[in-house]
Amino acid sequence: MKPAYNPWLIIFGLAVILFIGFGTTINSMGVFAPEYMKSFAVSAEKAGNVSTAFLLTMTIAMPFSGWLMDYFPAKRIMALGVLLSAAGFILAHRAMSIDSLMIDMALSGAGIGLSTYVPAFTVVSYCLPEKHHGMGFGVLMAAASAGGIFMPYLLAKSISEIGWKSSELVIGGSYLFLSLPAALLLVPGRKAAPDHGAQDLAREGATQTSLLKSICSPKYWIWVLVMSLINLSALGIVVFTIPILVASGYQQQTAALIVGAIGIATFLGSLLAGILTSRFHPVWIMLAAITLSAVGLGALLKSGVSASGLFFTLIFVLVWGSTFNLINVVSPLLLESVCGRNRFGSLLGIGNFISGIISSLGPALVGFMLDRTHTYDTAIFICAAIILLSLFPTIFLKTRAVAGGIS
């Protein structure tokens, strides 16, 4: 039976939402952090707490969005999230204190949690045939990475010309005039999957028992642990990449350009991962990505404006940039491999909630270490050690793919 809609047109709509949603938030937090410190005369740790508040509410919203996906059309859930994100940024441009800004960014975080990763990947899981899931996930993360190519530089330029508050108002408008139409016009207005065969229809009848069975699986919690360690390391570096580069001797806009180059590497890495998942087990891809990501962080320790510093900066951009975000491409495939597709949205949301609570401490950790040591080196070393720790639990996720339950 032919699907009632074009799955790849849906992917395009989801890609637009992720491009704007992640490009203006997670990928660009480092652009705003120095402005917060200057505008409100606060420490790096306090400025980092704005990002932590955003990440916490985004993470809290993720399991809620996964649960809602089991009962309501994706269109409604994602449109609601876009509206909340827009409201947060529009309110943020009037913030008079760092505390009120934290509240506004927390509202935007909740909106991003409802409109991006979990609902988008859940839609892919029922819009595309299973053999194309890896490519679909890769395209979405590539779109999110593309936001990291353009948004940091554009926002840095915008901040220099109209200020950070007006720039946040522009971000709010982009949600209303670009992301919202994409959600309303291109995301499916149904919660059911297109026809993938009798087995998929049988899986539609999954009960709470299957959800509980999956949650009680040891491998599910190993999957959560791996995500937590990798994202804890990654988010601490992502938020402070521009300040780290500035501390290494680069100018603000040059650092923003380097972050854009990291976005290009992430874009290409996501697409490559999507291709490789059709040939290799996702565990092998993840093990390689973890190792290379740690190598990239080691290069960041030696980055600078000297000849050797430029070389290590290039290594950091290419190696870390292409690998640090692959967990978000591969982890849904690992989840399908470990737990099957029953209640995929709920399981993905719960796992991202738990790992997100842990990983949201990354920016505060880096800010704390900076305030105590007055250098980023210790924080970078700790982030590299954390991601290397994830190698060991990842090995235990190697299993055969299953169709509807735990292997």
Protein backbone atom coordinates (compact mmCIF):
# COMPACT_ATOMS: atom_id res chain seq x y z
CA MET A 1 0.00 0.00 0.00
CA LYS A 2 1.44 3.36 -1.02
CA PRO A 3 1.90 5.92 1.82
CA ALA A 4 -0.63 8.76 1.84
CA TYR A 5 2.18 11.31 1.96
CA ASN A 6 5.77 11.76 0.83
CA PRO A 7 8.07 10.67 3.70
CA TRP A 8 10.99 12.72 2.40
CA LEU A 9 8.86 15.88 2.27
CA ILE A 10 8.12 15.27 5.93
CA ILE A 11 11.85 14.86 6.55
CA PHE A 12 12.37 18.27 4.92
CA GLY A 13 9.84 19.89 7.25
CA LEU A 14 11.43 18.26 10.29
CA ALA A 15 14.86 19.36 9.06
CA VAL A 16 13.72 22.99 8.91
CA ILE A 17 12.51 22.82 12.51
CA LEU A 18 15.74 21.22 13.74
CA PHE A 19 17.91 23.61 11.71
CA ILE A 20 16.35 26.65 13.38
CA GLY A 21 15.66 25.08 16.78
CA PHE A 22 19.13 23.70 17.46
CA GLY A 23 20.98 26.32 15.38
CA THR A 24 19.69 29.21 17.48
CA THR A 25 20.03 27.48 20.84
CA ILE A 26 22.50 24.68 21.59
CA ASN A 27 24.79 25.57 18.67
CA SER A 28 24.81 29.27 19.55
CA MET A 29 24.80 29.35 23.33
CA GLY A 30 28.49 30.19 23.34
CA VAL A 31 27.78 33.33 21.32
CA PHE A 32 25.42 34.69 23.96
CA ALA A 33 27.31 33.58 27.11
CA PRO A 34 29.93 36.40 27.01
CA GLU A 35 27.16 38.93 26.38
CA TYR A 36 25.27 37.72 29.44
CA MET A 37 28.43 38.04 31.55
CA LYS A 38 29.00 41.64 30.40
CA SER A 39 25.38 42.79 30.43
CA PHE A 40 24.52 41.46 33.89
CA ALA A 41 28.05 41.54 35.40
CA VAL A 42 27.94 37.88 36.43
CA SER A 43 30.50 35.06 36.59
CA ALA A 44 31.05 32.42 33.93
CA GLU A 45 29.35 29.89 36.19
CA LYS A 46 26.24 32.08 36.52
CA ALA A 47 26.12 32.67 32.77
CA GLY A 48 26.52 28.92 32.24
CA ASN A 49 23.49 28.37 34.46
CA VAL A 50 21.32 30.04 31.78
CA SER A 51 22.32 27.26 29.41
CA THR A 52 21.81 24.70 32.17
CA ALA A 53 18.25 25.98 32.78
CA PHE A 54 17.51 25.73 29.07
CA LEU A 55 18.92 22.21 28.84
CA LEU A 56 17.10 21.05 31.97
CA THR A 57 13.65 22.11 30.76
CA MET A 58 14.37 20.80 27.27
CA THR A 59 15.27 17.48 28.82
CA ILE A 60 12.21 17.42 31.07
CA ALA A 61 9.97 18.07 28.06
CA MET A 62 11.45 15.17 26.07
CA PRO A 63 9.75 12.24 27.85
CA PHE A 64 6.52 14.22 27.88
CA SER A 65 6.76 14.69 24.11
CA GLY A 66 7.48 10.97 23.68
CA TRP A 67 4.40 10.06 25.71
CA LEU A 68 2.25 12.56 23.80
CA MET A 69 3.42 11.01 20.51
CA ASP A 70 1.66 7.79 21.53
CA TYR A 71 -1.69 9.58 21.70
CA PHE A 72 -1.68 12.79 19.64
CA PRO A 73 -0.61 13.83 16.12
CA ALA A 74 3.01 14.99 15.83
CA LYS A 75 1.84 18.19 14.12
CA ARG A 76 0.08 19.48 17.25
CA ILE A 77 2.90 18.56 19.62
CA MET A 78 5.62 20.17 17.53
CA ALA A 79 3.56 23.31 16.81
CA LEU A 80 3.00 23.77 20.56
CA GLY A 81 6.72 23.41 21.16
CA VAL A 82 7.57 25.98 18.49
CA LEU A 83 5.16 28.49 20.05
CA LEU A 84 6.70 28.02 23.50
CA SER A 85 10.21 28.48 22.08
CA ALA A 86 9.17 31.69 20.33
CA ALA A 87 7.56 33.02 23.50
CA GLY A 88 10.72 32.38 25.52
CA PHE A 89 12.97 34.30 23.13
CA ILE A 90 10.52 37.16 22.74
CA LEU A 91 10.36 37.52 26.52
CA ALA A 92 14.15 37.16 26.84
CA HIS A 93 14.78 40.31 24.82
CA ARG A 94 13.16 42.25 27.69
CA ALA A 95 15.01 40.46 30.50
CA MET A 96 16.31 42.84 33.18
CA SER A 97 18.29 40.32 35.24
CA ILE A 98 20.13 37.06 34.79
CA ASP A 99 17.44 35.28 36.84
CA SER A 100 14.58 36.47 34.64
CA LEU A 101 16.63 35.49 31.60
CA MET A 102 17.05 31.99 33.04
CA ILE A 103 13.25 31.70 33.34
CA ASP A 104 12.73 32.87 29.76
CA MET A 105 15.34 30.45 28.41
CA ALA A 106 13.79 27.67 30.49
CA LEU A 107 10.50 28.31 28.65
CA SER A 108 12.30 28.10 25.30
CA GLY A 109 14.02 24.92 26.44
CA ALA A 110 10.66 23.29 27.10
CA GLY A 111 9.53 24.30 23.62
CA ILE A 112 12.64 22.86 21.99
CA GLY A 113 12.12 19.62 23.90
CA LEU A 114 8.58 19.34 22.55
CA SER A 115 9.39 20.22 18.95
CA THR A 116 12.75 18.73 18.01
CA TYR A 117 14.68 15.56 18.78
CA VAL A 118 12.21 13.06 20.25
CA PRO A 119 9.12 13.88 18.14
CA ALA A 120 11.16 14.32 14.95
CA PHE A 121 12.98 11.02 15.32
CA THR A 122 9.78 9.25 16.29
CA VAL A 123 8.11 10.55 13.11
CA VAL A 124 11.06 9.20 11.09
CA SER A 125 10.67 5.80 12.78
CA TYR A 126 7.13 5.42 11.40
CA CYS A 127 7.41 7.40 8.15
CA LEU A 128 10.40 5.59 6.66
CA PRO A 129 10.97 1.87 6.11
CA GLU A 130 13.26 0.45 8.78
CA LYS A 131 16.19 0.02 6.38
CA HIS A 132 16.21 3.79 5.80
CA HIS A 133 16.00 4.82 9.47
CA GLY A 134 19.74 5.43 9.76
CA MET A 135 19.74 7.71 6.73
CA GLY A 136 16.66 9.56 7.98
CA PHE A 137 18.22 10.11 11.41
CA GLY A 138 21.44 11.23 9.73
CA VAL A 139 19.64 13.78 7.56
CA LEU A 140 17.88 15.28 10.59
CA MET A 141 21.09 15.59 12.60
CA ALA A 142 22.84 16.99 9.53
CA ALA A 143 20.13 19.67 9.40
CA ALA A 144 20.68 20.44 13.06
CA SER A 145 24.42 20.62 12.38
CA ALA A 146 23.82 22.94 9.44
CA GLY A 147 22.31 25.34 11.95
CA GLY A 148 25.66 25.24 13.70
CA ILE A 149 27.39 26.20 10.45
CA PHE A 150 25.48 29.42 9.86
CA MET A 151 23.76 30.50 13.07
CA PRO A 152 26.75 31.22 15.36
CA TYR A 153 28.35 33.54 12.82
CA LEU A 154 25.07 35.21 11.86
CA LEU A 155 24.11 35.73 15.48
CA ALA A 156 27.58 37.01 16.42
CA LYS A 157 27.28 39.55 13.59
CA SER A 158 23.73 40.39 14.63
CA ILE A 159 24.80 40.92 18.23
CA SER A 160 27.60 43.27 17.15
CA GLU A 161 25.14 45.35 15.11
CA ILE A 162 21.84 45.34 17.02
CA GLY A 163 22.74 43.85 20.41
CA TRP A 164 21.95 40.49 21.99
CA LYS A 165 18.45 41.43 23.13
CA SER A 166 17.25 42.44 19.67
CA SER A 167 18.92 39.34 18.27
CA GLU A 168 16.85 37.17 20.57
CA LEU A 169 13.72 38.93 19.34
CA VAL A 170 14.74 38.04 15.76
CA ILE A 171 15.15 34.42 16.83
CA GLY A 172 11.62 34.43 18.24
CA GLY A 173 10.33 35.72 14.93
CA SER A 174 12.11 32.97 13.00
CA TYR A 175 10.21 30.38 15.01
CA LEU A 176 6.87 32.03 14.25
CA PHE A 177 7.42 32.63 10.54
CA LEU A 178 9.53 29.59 9.55
CA SER A 179 9.35 26.76 12.07
CA LEU A 180 5.63 27.06 12.80
CA PRO A 181 4.54 26.82 9.13
CA ALA A 182 6.86 23.81 8.70
CA ALA A 183 5.21 22.09 11.65
CA LEU A 184 1.66 22.87 10.54
CA LEU A 185 2.08 22.18 6.81
CA LEU A 186 4.65 19.39 6.53
CA VAL A 187 4.50 17.32 9.73
CA PRO A 188 1.84 14.55 9.60
CA GLY A 189 -1.56 15.33 11.07
CA ARG A 190 -1.92 11.77 12.25
CA LYS A 191 -0.29 9.70 14.97
CA ALA A 192 -0.51 6.41 13.11
CA ALA A 193 2.28 5.11 10.92
CA PRO A 194 1.98 4.48 7.21
CA ASP A 195 1.62 0.91 6.11
CA HIS A 196 4.84 -1.03 6.70
CA GLY A 197 3.21 -4.46 6.79
CA ALA A 198 1.28 -6.72 9.15
CA GLN A 199 4.08 -6.87 11.73
CA ASP A 200 4.03 -3.10 12.16
CA LEU A 201 0.26 -3.16 12.59
CA ALA A 202 0.64 -5.78 15.29
CA ARG A 203 3.18 -3.59 17.05
CA GLU A 204 0.60 -0.78 17.15
CA GLY A 205 -1.09 -2.79 19.90
CA ALA A 206 1.89 -2.66 22.26
CA THR A 207 0.81 -2.26 25.89
CA GLN A 208 2.27 -0.70 29.01
CA THR A 209 3.67 -4.15 29.80
CA SER A 210 6.03 -3.94 26.82
CA LEU A 211 7.11 -0.45 27.95
CA LEU A 212 7.79 -1.71 31.46
CA LYS A 213 9.66 -4.73 30.08
CA SER A 214 11.92 -2.47 28.05
CA ILE A 215 12.56 -0.10 30.95
CA CYS A 216 13.52 -3.05 33.15
CA SER A 217 16.06 -4.28 30.60
CA PRO A 218 19.69 -3.85 31.79
CA LYS A 219 20.74 -2.95 28.26
CA TYR A 220 18.27 -0.09 28.20
CA TRP A 221 20.03 1.46 31.19
CA ILE A 222 23.43 0.84 29.65
CA TRP A 223 22.14 2.76 26.63
CA VAL A 224 21.06 5.61 28.93
CA LEU A 225 24.47 5.61 30.65
CA VAL A 226 26.32 5.85 27.34
CA MET A 227 24.17 8.78 26.22
CA SER A 228 24.66 10.52 29.57
CA LEU A 229 28.45 10.31 29.54
CA ILE A 230 28.85 11.37 25.91
CA ASN A 231 26.42 14.28 26.11
CA LEU A 232 27.80 15.46 29.47
CA SER A 233 31.20 15.82 27.82
CA ALA A 234 29.88 17.28 24.57
CA LEU A 235 27.52 19.92 26.01
CA GLY A 236 30.16 21.28 28.36
CA ILE A 237 32.44 21.93 25.38
CA VAL A 238 29.71 23.05 22.93
CA VAL A 239 28.45 25.86 25.16
CA PHE A 240 31.96 27.17 25.87
CA THR A 241 33.63 26.54 22.49
CA ILE A 242 33.73 30.23 21.56
CA PRO A 243 35.01 31.39 24.99
CA ILE A 244 37.64 28.62 24.90
CA LEU A 245 38.82 29.73 21.46
CA VAL A 246 38.83 33.39 22.53
CA ALA A 247 40.94 32.43 25.55
CA SER A 248 43.32 30.72 23.10
CA GLY A 249 43.87 34.02 21.30
CA TYR A 250 41.18 34.14 18.62
CA GLN A 251 38.90 37.13 18.04
CA GLN A 252 35.19 36.72 18.81
CA GLN A 253 34.03 36.62 15.19
CA THR A 254 36.94 34.38 14.19
CA ALA A 255 35.94 31.99 16.95
CA ALA A 256 32.38 32.09 15.63
CA LEU A 257 33.68 31.19 12.17
CA ILE A 258 35.56 28.24 13.67
CA VAL A 259 32.33 27.10 15.32
CA GLY A 260 30.72 27.34 11.88
CA ALA A 261 33.48 25.09 10.53
CA ILE A 262 32.72 22.65 13.35
CA GLY A 263 29.12 22.73 12.14
CA ILE A 264 30.28 21.74 8.64
CA ALA A 265 32.26 18.84 10.10
CA THR A 266 29.25 17.80 12.18
CA PHE A 267 27.01 18.03 9.12
CA LEU A 268 29.28 15.76 7.09
CA GLY A 269 29.79 13.40 10.02
CA SER A 270 26.04 13.00 10.50
CA LEU A 271 25.48 12.17 6.83
CA LEU A 272 28.40 9.73 6.83
CA ALA A 273 27.07 8.04 9.96
CA GLY A 274 23.66 7.68 8.30
CA ILE A 275 25.32 5.91 5.37
CA LEU A 276 27.56 3.72 7.53
CA THR A 277 24.66 2.46 9.64
CA SER A 278 23.43 0.46 6.66
CA ARG A 279 26.77 -1.40 6.56
CA PHE A 280 28.03 -1.61 10.13
CA HIS A 281 26.47 -2.30 13.51
CA PRO A 282 25.85 1.03 15.29
CA VAL A 283 28.00 -0.10 18.24
CA TRP A 284 31.14 -0.15 16.06
CA ILE A 285 30.33 3.32 14.75
CA MET A 286 29.84 4.58 18.29
CA LEU A 287 33.12 3.10 19.57
CA ALA A 288 35.04 4.78 16.76
CA ALA A 289 33.26 8.10 17.34
CA ILE A 290 34.01 8.07 21.09
CA THR A 291 37.71 7.44 20.53
CA LEU A 292 38.05 10.11 17.85
CA SER A 293 36.08 12.62 19.91
CA ALA A 294 38.51 12.24 22.81
CA VAL A 295 41.43 12.74 20.40
CA GLY A 296 39.79 15.94 19.18
CA LEU A 297 39.50 17.28 22.73
CA GLY A 298 43.16 16.55 23.25
CA ALA A 299 43.89 18.74 20.23
CA LEU A 300 41.75 21.54 21.70
CA LEU A 301 44.17 21.71 24.65
CA LYS A 302 46.91 22.76 22.20
CA SER A 303 44.83 25.13 20.05
CA GLY A 304 45.93 28.72 19.49
CA VAL A 305 46.95 31.36 16.95
CA SER A 306 50.52 30.11 16.47
CA ALA A 307 51.39 27.79 13.58
CA SER A 308 51.19 24.69 15.78
CA GLY A 309 48.11 26.08 17.51
CA LEU A 310 46.34 26.51 14.18
CA PHE A 311 47.21 22.92 13.29
CA PHE A 312 45.69 21.58 16.51
CA THR A 313 42.66 23.82 16.04
CA LEU A 314 42.16 22.23 12.62
CA ILE A 315 42.43 18.75 14.16
CA PHE A 316 39.87 19.74 16.80
CA VAL A 317 37.46 21.06 14.18
CA LEU A 318 37.74 18.04 11.88
CA VAL A 319 37.97 15.21 14.39
CA TRP A 320 35.85 16.38 17.32
CA GLY A 321 33.44 18.28 15.08
CA SER A 322 32.63 15.23 12.98
CA THR A 323 32.19 12.82 15.90
CA PHE A 324 30.92 14.47 19.09
CA ASN A 325 27.30 14.57 17.91
CA LEU A 326 27.06 11.07 16.41
CA ILE A 327 25.41 9.78 19.59
CA ASN A 328 22.26 11.59 18.45
CA VAL A 329 22.34 9.79 15.09
CA VAL A 330 23.28 6.34 16.36
CA SER A 331 21.47 6.18 19.72
CA PRO A 332 17.97 5.77 18.16
CA LEU A 333 19.31 2.83 16.15
CA LEU A 334 20.89 1.36 19.27
CA LEU A 335 17.56 1.76 21.05
CA GLU A 336 15.74 -0.07 18.25
CA SER A 337 18.39 -2.79 18.39
CA VAL A 338 18.12 -3.23 22.15
CA CYS A 339 14.39 -2.70 22.74
CA GLY A 340 12.68 -2.87 19.36
CA ARG A 341 10.15 -0.33 18.11
CA ASN A 342 7.39 -0.81 20.68
CA ARG A 343 6.73 2.55 22.38
CA PHE A 344 9.79 3.98 20.65
CA GLY A 345 8.81 7.59 21.37
CA SER A 346 8.27 6.98 25.07
CA LEU A 347 11.51 5.02 25.48
CA LEU A 348 13.51 7.61 23.54
CA GLY A 349 11.96 10.42 25.57
CA ILE A 350 12.57 8.76 28.94
CA GLY A 351 16.16 7.93 28.04
CA ASN A 352 16.85 11.46 26.81
CA PHE A 353 15.24 12.88 29.94
CA ILE A 354 17.53 10.96 32.27
CA SER A 355 20.68 11.47 30.22
CA GLY A 356 19.75 15.09 29.62
CA ILE A 357 19.39 15.82 33.34
CA ILE A 358 22.92 14.53 33.82
CA SER A 359 24.43 16.09 30.70
CA SER A 360 22.84 19.49 31.37
CA LEU A 361 25.34 19.85 34.20
CA GLY A 362 28.12 20.03 31.60
CA PRO A 363 28.07 23.83 31.08
CA ALA A 364 27.91 24.46 34.83
CA LEU A 365 30.82 22.02 35.35
CA VAL A 366 33.00 23.81 32.80
CA GLY A 367 32.05 27.21 34.25
CA PHE A 368 32.79 25.96 37.78
CA MET A 369 36.23 24.67 36.79
CA LEU A 370 36.99 27.96 34.99
CA ASP A 371 36.10 30.05 38.03
CA ARG A 372 38.25 27.83 40.27
CA THR A 373 41.30 27.32 38.04
CA HIS A 374 41.06 30.40 35.74
CA THR A 375 41.83 28.15 32.77
CA TYR A 376 39.79 25.90 30.51
CA ASP A 377 42.45 23.18 30.36
CA THR A 378 41.25 21.26 33.42
CA ALA A 379 37.64 21.30 32.22
CA ILE A 380 38.67 20.08 28.74
CA PHE A 381 40.74 17.26 30.25
CA ILE A 382 37.81 16.17 32.45
CA CYS A 383 35.43 16.21 29.46
CA ALA A 384 37.86 14.02 27.49
CA ALA A 385 38.11 11.56 30.39
CA ILE A 386 34.31 11.41 30.71
CA ILE A 387 33.76 10.52 27.07
CA LEU A 388 36.46 7.85 27.21
CA LEU A 389 34.63 6.26 30.14
CA SER A 390 31.66 5.67 27.80
CA LEU A 391 33.74 3.17 25.77
CA PHE A 392 33.23 0.40 28.31
CA PRO A 393 29.41 0.37 28.60
CA THR A 394 29.08 0.85 24.82
CA ILE A 395 30.69 -2.57 24.22
CA PHE A 396 27.81 -4.25 26.07
CA LEU A 397 25.24 -2.82 23.65
CA LYS A 398 26.40 -5.10 20.85
CA THR A 399 23.41 -7.26 20.01
CA ARG A 400 21.41 -8.41 17.05
CA ALA A 401 18.63 -6.14 15.75
CA VAL A 402 15.13 -7.08 16.87
CA ALA A 403 11.77 -6.24 15.41
CA GLY A 404 9.52 -5.81 18.35
CA GLY A 405 11.17 -6.48 21.64
CA ILE A 406 14.29 -7.00 23.68
CA SER A 407 16.89 -9.39 22.37
